[in-house]
Amino acid sequence: MKIVVILMPFLLLAHDEILTPEALVLPNFYPFGQSEGDLLLPPNDDRSSGTVPISIPFPFFDQNHNSLFVNTNGVISFLVEVSQYTPDAFPLGDNRRLVAPFWADVNTNVAGEVFYRETTDPNLLQQATNDVTATFVSHRKFRATWLLVVTWYEVAFFGARGNYTSMVRQVCGNIIIQ
């Protein structure tokens, strides 16, 4: 029996425009915030969470990772934090293994918050399973077993003045499909 390990197709749900209070209700987003058990990065510019241990080995670049970094500038990295704010073409060198759902020059000292958590909540796992199988029809056997939910909420870009924010949500998981 052949087992295929898939780095879940990183569900990326984004809203890249100036948000108004009416636009904040986003029914397709997974719940987030401290009331959901998320951790919050302190306000900063070009920093990271520091090492975040995760409860499962996460296969990425032919290596299982037991920790990751949530970076303010819109990337989730393994091995090292990434303070770089200007995107580079892939593949990257210098041990920069990362997923870049929102690689940009973000400054949460000005506005916004970055939330993150891992979860095995059955309702969220089912929602992720449904989202992936509806979107990626060739992966009908997909079953979510673990999720990392990272939300860049109303974050400001470097140099922003006024109410220039955006919201990006990254949900990723580790799945084995037989």
C-alpha atoms as a PDB file:
ATOM      1  CA  MET A   1       0.000   0.000   0.000  1.00  0.00           C
ATOM      2  CA  LYS A   2       1.400   3.326  -1.009  1.00  0.00           C
ATOM      3  CA  ILE A   3       0.957   6.177   1.459  1.00  0.00           C
ATOM      4  CA  VAL A   4       1.079   9.679   0.077  1.00  0.00           C
ATOM      5  CA  VAL A   5       1.828  12.496   2.484  1.00  0.00           C
ATOM      6  CA  ILE A   6       0.360  15.797   1.404  1.00  0.00           C
ATOM      7  CA  LEU A   7       1.184  19.147   2.855  1.00  0.00           C
ATOM      8  CA  MET A   8      -2.381  20.328   2.920  1.00  0.00           C
ATOM      9  CA  PRO A   9      -3.066  22.756   0.104  1.00  0.00           C
ATOM     10  CA  PHE A  10      -2.901  25.673   2.542  1.00  0.00           C
ATOM     11  CA  LEU A  11      -6.384  27.044   2.399  1.00  0.00           C
ATOM     12  CA  LEU A  12      -5.832  30.707   1.892  1.00  0.00           C
ATOM     13  CA  LEU A  13      -8.779  32.959   2.491  1.00  0.00           C
ATOM     14  CA  ALA A  14      -7.942  36.579   1.901  1.00  0.00           C
ATOM     15  CA  HIS A  15      -9.603  39.948   1.917  1.00  0.00           C
ATOM     16  CA  ASP A  16      -7.140  42.531   0.550  1.00  0.00           C
ATOM     17  CA  GLU A  17      -9.039  45.763   0.606  1.00  0.00           C
ATOM     18  CA  ILE A  18      -9.606  48.512   3.103  1.00  0.00           C
ATOM     19  CA  LEU A  19     -12.022  47.033   5.593  1.00  0.00           C
ATOM     20  CA  THR A  20     -15.141  48.692   6.826  1.00  0.00           C
ATOM     21  CA  PRO A  21     -17.000  47.496   9.932  1.00  0.00           C
ATOM     22  CA  GLU A  22     -19.555  45.811   7.641  1.00  0.00           C
ATOM     23  CA  ALA A  23     -16.801  43.802   5.935  1.00  0.00           C
ATOM     24  CA  LEU A  24     -15.503  42.293   9.178  1.00  0.00           C
ATOM     25  CA  VAL A  25     -18.091  39.512   9.225  1.00  0.00           C
ATOM     26  CA  LEU A  26     -16.449  36.923   7.027  1.00  0.00           C
ATOM     27  CA  PRO A  27     -18.496  33.716   7.165  1.00  0.00           C
ATOM     28  CA  ASN A  28     -15.878  31.681   5.301  1.00  0.00           C
ATOM     29  CA  PHE A  29     -13.175  32.389   7.855  1.00  0.00           C
ATOM     30  CA  TYR A  30     -12.384  29.923  10.591  1.00  0.00           C
ATOM     31  CA  PRO A  31     -13.032  31.392  14.046  1.00  0.00           C
ATOM     32  CA  PHE A  32     -10.060  33.291  15.436  1.00  0.00           C
ATOM     33  CA  GLY A  33      -9.025  35.520  18.305  1.00  0.00           C
ATOM     34  CA  GLN A  34      -8.081  35.096  21.920  1.00  0.00           C
ATOM     35  CA  SER A  35     -11.628  33.955  22.733  1.00  0.00           C
ATOM     36  CA  GLU A  36     -10.919  30.956  20.443  1.00  0.00           C
ATOM     37  CA  GLY A  37      -7.688  30.148  22.295  1.00  0.00           C
ATOM     38  CA  ASP A  38      -5.360  31.885  19.845  1.00  0.00           C
ATOM     39  CA  LEU A  39      -2.018  33.258  20.924  1.00  0.00           C
ATOM     40  CA  LEU A  40      -1.300  36.854  19.947  1.00  0.00           C
ATOM     41  CA  LEU A  41       1.988  38.213  18.638  1.00  0.00           C
ATOM     42  CA  PRO A  42       2.975  41.411  20.447  1.00  0.00           C
ATOM     43  CA  PRO A  43       2.838  44.527  18.248  1.00  0.00           C
ATOM     44  CA  ASN A  44       6.061  44.702  16.228  1.00  0.00           C
ATOM     45  CA  ASP A  45       7.757  45.310  12.913  1.00  0.00           C
ATOM     46  CA  ASP A  46       9.597  42.436  11.166  1.00  0.00           C
ATOM     47  CA  ARG A  47       9.557  40.011  14.120  1.00  0.00           C
ATOM     48  CA  SER A  48       8.198  36.538  14.859  1.00  0.00           C
ATOM     49  CA  SER A  49       6.557  34.454  17.539  1.00  0.00           C
ATOM     50  CA  GLY A  50       9.801  32.737  18.393  1.00  0.00           C
ATOM     51  CA  THR A  51       9.825  28.954  18.260  1.00  0.00           C
ATOM     52  CA  VAL A  52       6.298  27.502  18.460  1.00  0.00           C
ATOM     53  CA  PRO A  53       6.307  23.785  19.336  1.00  0.00           C
ATOM     54  CA  ILE A  54       3.614  21.827  17.505  1.00  0.00           C
ATOM     55  CA  SER A  55       1.968  18.613  18.627  1.00  0.00           C
ATOM     56  CA  ILE A  56       2.607  16.577  15.471  1.00  0.00           C
ATOM     57  CA  PRO A  57       5.624  16.117  13.211  1.00  0.00           C
ATOM     58  CA  PHE A  58       4.926  18.314  10.188  1.00  0.00           C
ATOM     59  CA  PRO A  59       6.512  17.040   6.943  1.00  0.00           C
ATOM     60  CA  PHE A  60       7.948  19.869   4.863  1.00  0.00           C
ATOM     61  CA  PHE A  61      10.965  19.815   2.509  1.00  0.00           C
ATOM     62  CA  ASP A  62      11.579  16.108   3.178  1.00  0.00           C
ATOM     63  CA  GLN A  63      11.971  16.713   6.891  1.00  0.00           C
ATOM     64  CA  ASN A  64       9.570  16.384   9.813  1.00  0.00           C
ATOM     65  CA  HIS A  65       9.370  19.600  11.818  1.00  0.00           C
ATOM     66  CA  ASN A  66       8.297  19.751  15.470  1.00  0.00           C
ATOM     67  CA  SER A  67       8.135  23.535  15.612  1.00  0.00           C
ATOM     68  CA  LEU A  68       7.553  26.575  13.454  1.00  0.00           C
ATOM     69  CA  PHE A  69       7.644  30.377  13.525  1.00  0.00           C
ATOM     70  CA  VAL A  70       4.721  32.702  12.879  1.00  0.00           C
ATOM     71  CA  ASN A  71       6.243  35.818  11.344  1.00  0.00           C
ATOM     72  CA  THR A  72       4.645  39.254  11.370  1.00  0.00           C
ATOM     73  CA  ASN A  73       5.454  39.786   7.693  1.00  0.00           C
ATOM     74  CA  GLY A  74       2.990  37.151   6.554  1.00  0.00           C
ATOM     75  CA  VAL A  75       4.987  33.925   6.487  1.00  0.00           C
ATOM     76  CA  ILE A  76       5.051  30.715   8.485  1.00  0.00           C
ATOM     77  CA  SER A  77       8.606  29.414   8.606  1.00  0.00           C
ATOM     78  CA  PHE A  78      10.474  26.352   9.795  1.00  0.00           C
ATOM     79  CA  LEU A  79      14.035  26.254  11.183  1.00  0.00           C
ATOM     80  CA  VAL A  80      14.489  30.048  11.481  1.00  0.00           C
ATOM     81  CA  GLU A  81      12.413  33.179  11.899  1.00  0.00           C
ATOM     82  CA  VAL A  82      12.097  35.343   8.792  1.00  0.00           C
ATOM     83  CA  SER A  83      12.292  39.092   9.292  1.00  0.00           C
ATOM     84  CA  GLN A  84      12.673  39.806   5.582  1.00  0.00           C
ATOM     85  CA  TYR A  85       9.733  41.813   4.293  1.00  0.00           C
ATOM     86  CA  THR A  86      10.478  41.840   0.566  1.00  0.00           C
ATOM     87  CA  PRO A  87       9.405  38.601  -1.121  1.00  0.00           C
ATOM     88  CA  ASP A  88      12.025  36.644  -3.045  1.00  0.00           C
ATOM     89  CA  ALA A  89      11.565  34.053  -5.749  1.00  0.00           C
ATOM     90  CA  PHE A  90      11.420  30.442  -4.578  1.00  0.00           C
ATOM     91  CA  PRO A  91      13.335  28.302  -3.758  1.00  0.00           C
ATOM     92  CA  LEU A  92      14.982  30.276  -0.982  1.00  0.00           C
ATOM     93  CA  GLY A  93      18.395  29.577   0.533  1.00  0.00           C
ATOM     94  CA  ASP A  94      19.792  30.067   4.024  1.00  0.00           C
ATOM     95  CA  ASN A  95      17.488  27.503   5.707  1.00  0.00           C
ATOM     96  CA  ARG A  96      14.421  29.585   4.917  1.00  0.00           C
ATOM     97  CA  ARG A  97      11.734  26.960   4.579  1.00  0.00           C
ATOM     98  CA  LEU A  98       8.465  28.812   4.591  1.00  0.00           C
ATOM     99  CA  VAL A  99       4.896  29.090   3.512  1.00  0.00           C
ATOM    100  CA  ALA A 100       4.132  32.613   2.339  1.00  0.00           C
ATOM    101  CA  PRO A 101       0.387  33.298   2.319  1.00  0.00           C
ATOM    102  CA  PHE A 102       0.816  37.053   2.851  1.00  0.00           C
ATOM    103  CA  TRP A 103       4.487  37.974   2.463  1.00  0.00           C
ATOM    104  CA  ALA A 104       4.486  41.749   2.811  1.00  0.00           C
ATOM    105  CA  ASP A 105       5.979  44.568   4.825  1.00  0.00           C
ATOM    106  CA  VAL A 106       3.619  44.449   7.804  1.00  0.00           C
ATOM    107  CA  ASN A 107       3.884  46.684  10.862  1.00  0.00           C
ATOM    108  CA  THR A 108       1.536  45.804  13.713  1.00  0.00           C
ATOM    109  CA  ASN A 109       2.933  48.709  15.736  1.00  0.00           C
ATOM    110  CA  VAL A 110       0.682  50.849  13.507  1.00  0.00           C
ATOM    111  CA  ALA A 111      -2.421  48.631  13.347  1.00  0.00           C
ATOM    112  CA  GLY A 112      -3.638  45.058  13.388  1.00  0.00           C
ATOM    113  CA  GLU A 113      -2.937  41.810  15.154  1.00  0.00           C
ATOM    114  CA  VAL A 114      -1.489  38.409  14.306  1.00  0.00           C
ATOM    115  CA  PHE A 115      -3.235  35.436  15.926  1.00  0.00           C
ATOM    116  CA  TYR A 116      -2.246  31.768  15.759  1.00  0.00           C
ATOM    117  CA  ARG A 117      -3.132  28.361  17.179  1.00  0.00           C
ATOM    118  CA  GLU A 118      -3.081  24.697  16.348  1.00  0.00           C
ATOM    119  CA  THR A 119      -6.260  22.696  16.745  1.00  0.00           C
ATOM    120  CA  THR A 120      -7.826  19.279  16.388  1.00  0.00           C
ATOM    121  CA  ASP A 121     -11.357  20.541  17.029  1.00  0.00           C
ATOM    122  CA  PRO A 122     -13.637  18.016  15.235  1.00  0.00           C
ATOM    123  CA  ASN A 123     -15.919  20.723  13.810  1.00  0.00           C
ATOM    124  CA  LEU A 124     -12.994  22.680  12.345  1.00  0.00           C
ATOM    125  CA  LEU A 125     -11.398  19.487  11.018  1.00  0.00           C
ATOM    126  CA  GLN A 126     -14.659  18.641   9.259  1.00  0.00           C
ATOM    127  CA  GLN A 127     -14.909  22.167   7.862  1.00  0.00           C
ATOM    128  CA  ALA A 128     -11.324  21.935   6.561  1.00  0.00           C
ATOM    129  CA  THR A 129     -12.025  18.504   5.071  1.00  0.00           C
ATOM    130  CA  ASN A 130     -15.109  19.867   3.320  1.00  0.00           C
ATOM    131  CA  ASP A 131     -13.262  22.943   2.059  1.00  0.00           C
ATOM    132  CA  VAL A 132     -10.384  20.918   0.621  1.00  0.00           C
ATOM    133  CA  THR A 133     -12.466  18.170  -0.969  1.00  0.00           C
ATOM    134  CA  ALA A 134     -14.824  20.728  -2.547  1.00  0.00           C
ATOM    135  CA  THR A 135     -11.924  22.738  -3.937  1.00  0.00           C
ATOM    136  CA  PHE A 136      -9.461  19.981  -4.882  1.00  0.00           C
ATOM    137  CA  VAL A 137     -11.628  17.316  -6.486  1.00  0.00           C
ATOM    138  CA  SER A 138      -8.697  14.957  -7.045  1.00  0.00           C
ATOM    139  CA  HIS A 139      -8.297  14.719  -3.240  1.00  0.00           C
ATOM    140  CA  ARG A 140     -11.719  13.334  -2.304  1.00  0.00           C
ATOM    141  CA  LYS A 141     -10.134  11.013   0.281  1.00  0.00           C
ATOM    142  CA  PHE A 142      -8.600  13.925   2.133  1.00  0.00           C
ATOM    143  CA  ARG A 143      -9.332  13.987   5.877  1.00  0.00           C
ATOM    144  CA  ALA A 144      -8.034  16.815   8.034  1.00  0.00           C
ATOM    145  CA  THR A 145      -6.397  15.566  11.240  1.00  0.00           C
ATOM    146  CA  TRP A 146      -4.668  18.742  12.454  1.00  0.00           C
ATOM    147  CA  LEU A 147      -4.886  22.459  11.670  1.00  0.00           C
ATOM    148  CA  LEU A 148      -2.718  25.476  12.160  1.00  0.00           C
ATOM    149  CA  VAL A 149      -4.806  28.630  12.007  1.00  0.00           C
ATOM    150  CA  VAL A 150      -2.917  31.894  11.549  1.00  0.00           C
ATOM    151  CA  THR A 151      -4.731  35.181  11.034  1.00  0.00           C
ATOM    152  CA  TRP A 152      -3.188  38.504  10.073  1.00  0.00           C
ATOM    153  CA  TYR A 153      -6.110  40.677  11.211  1.00  0.00           C
ATOM    154  CA  GLU A 154      -6.438  44.269  10.017  1.00  0.00           C
ATOM    155  CA  VAL A 155      -2.671  44.595   9.774  1.00  0.00           C
ATOM    156  CA  ALA A 156      -1.075  47.767   8.439  1.00  0.00           C
ATOM    157  CA  PHE A 157       1.677  47.906   5.903  1.00  0.00           C
ATOM    158  CA  PHE A 158       4.939  49.627   6.795  1.00  0.00           C
ATOM    159  CA  GLY A 159       4.555  53.378   6.434  1.00  0.00           C
ATOM    160  CA  ALA A 160       0.745  53.234   6.618  1.00  0.00           C
ATOM    161  CA  ARG A 161      -1.143  56.262   7.816  1.00  0.00           C
ATOM    162  CA  GLY A 162      -4.868  56.273   8.499  1.00  0.00           C
ATOM    163  CA  ASN A 163      -7.073  53.186   8.133  1.00  0.00           C
ATOM    164  CA  TYR A 164      -5.132  51.150   5.564  1.00  0.00           C
ATOM    165  CA  THR A 165      -5.465  47.583   6.701  1.00  0.00           C
ATOM    166  CA  SER A 166      -6.048  44.154   5.266  1.00  0.00           C
ATOM    167  CA  MET A 167      -7.007  40.775   6.611  1.00  0.00           C
ATOM    168  CA  VAL A 168      -5.537  37.465   5.580  1.00  0.00           C
ATOM    169  CA  ARG A 169      -6.205  34.101   7.110  1.00  0.00           C
ATOM    170  CA  GLN A 170      -4.033  31.080   6.589  1.00  0.00           C
ATOM    171  CA  VAL A 171      -5.206  27.635   7.546  1.00  0.00           C
ATOM    172  CA  CYS A 172      -2.949  24.690   6.971  1.00  0.00           C
ATOM    173  CA  GLY A 173      -2.887  21.087   8.039  1.00  0.00           C
ATOM    174  CA  ASN A 174      -0.991  17.868   7.869  1.00  0.00           C
ATOM    175  CA  ILE A 175      -2.841  14.994   6.202  1.00  0.00           C
ATOM    176  CA  ILE A 176      -1.984  11.475   5.143  1.00  0.00           C
ATOM    177  CA  ILE A 177      -3.988  10.119   2.225  1.00  0.00           C
ATOM    178  CA  GLN A 178      -3.826   6.423   1.388  1.00  0.00           C
END
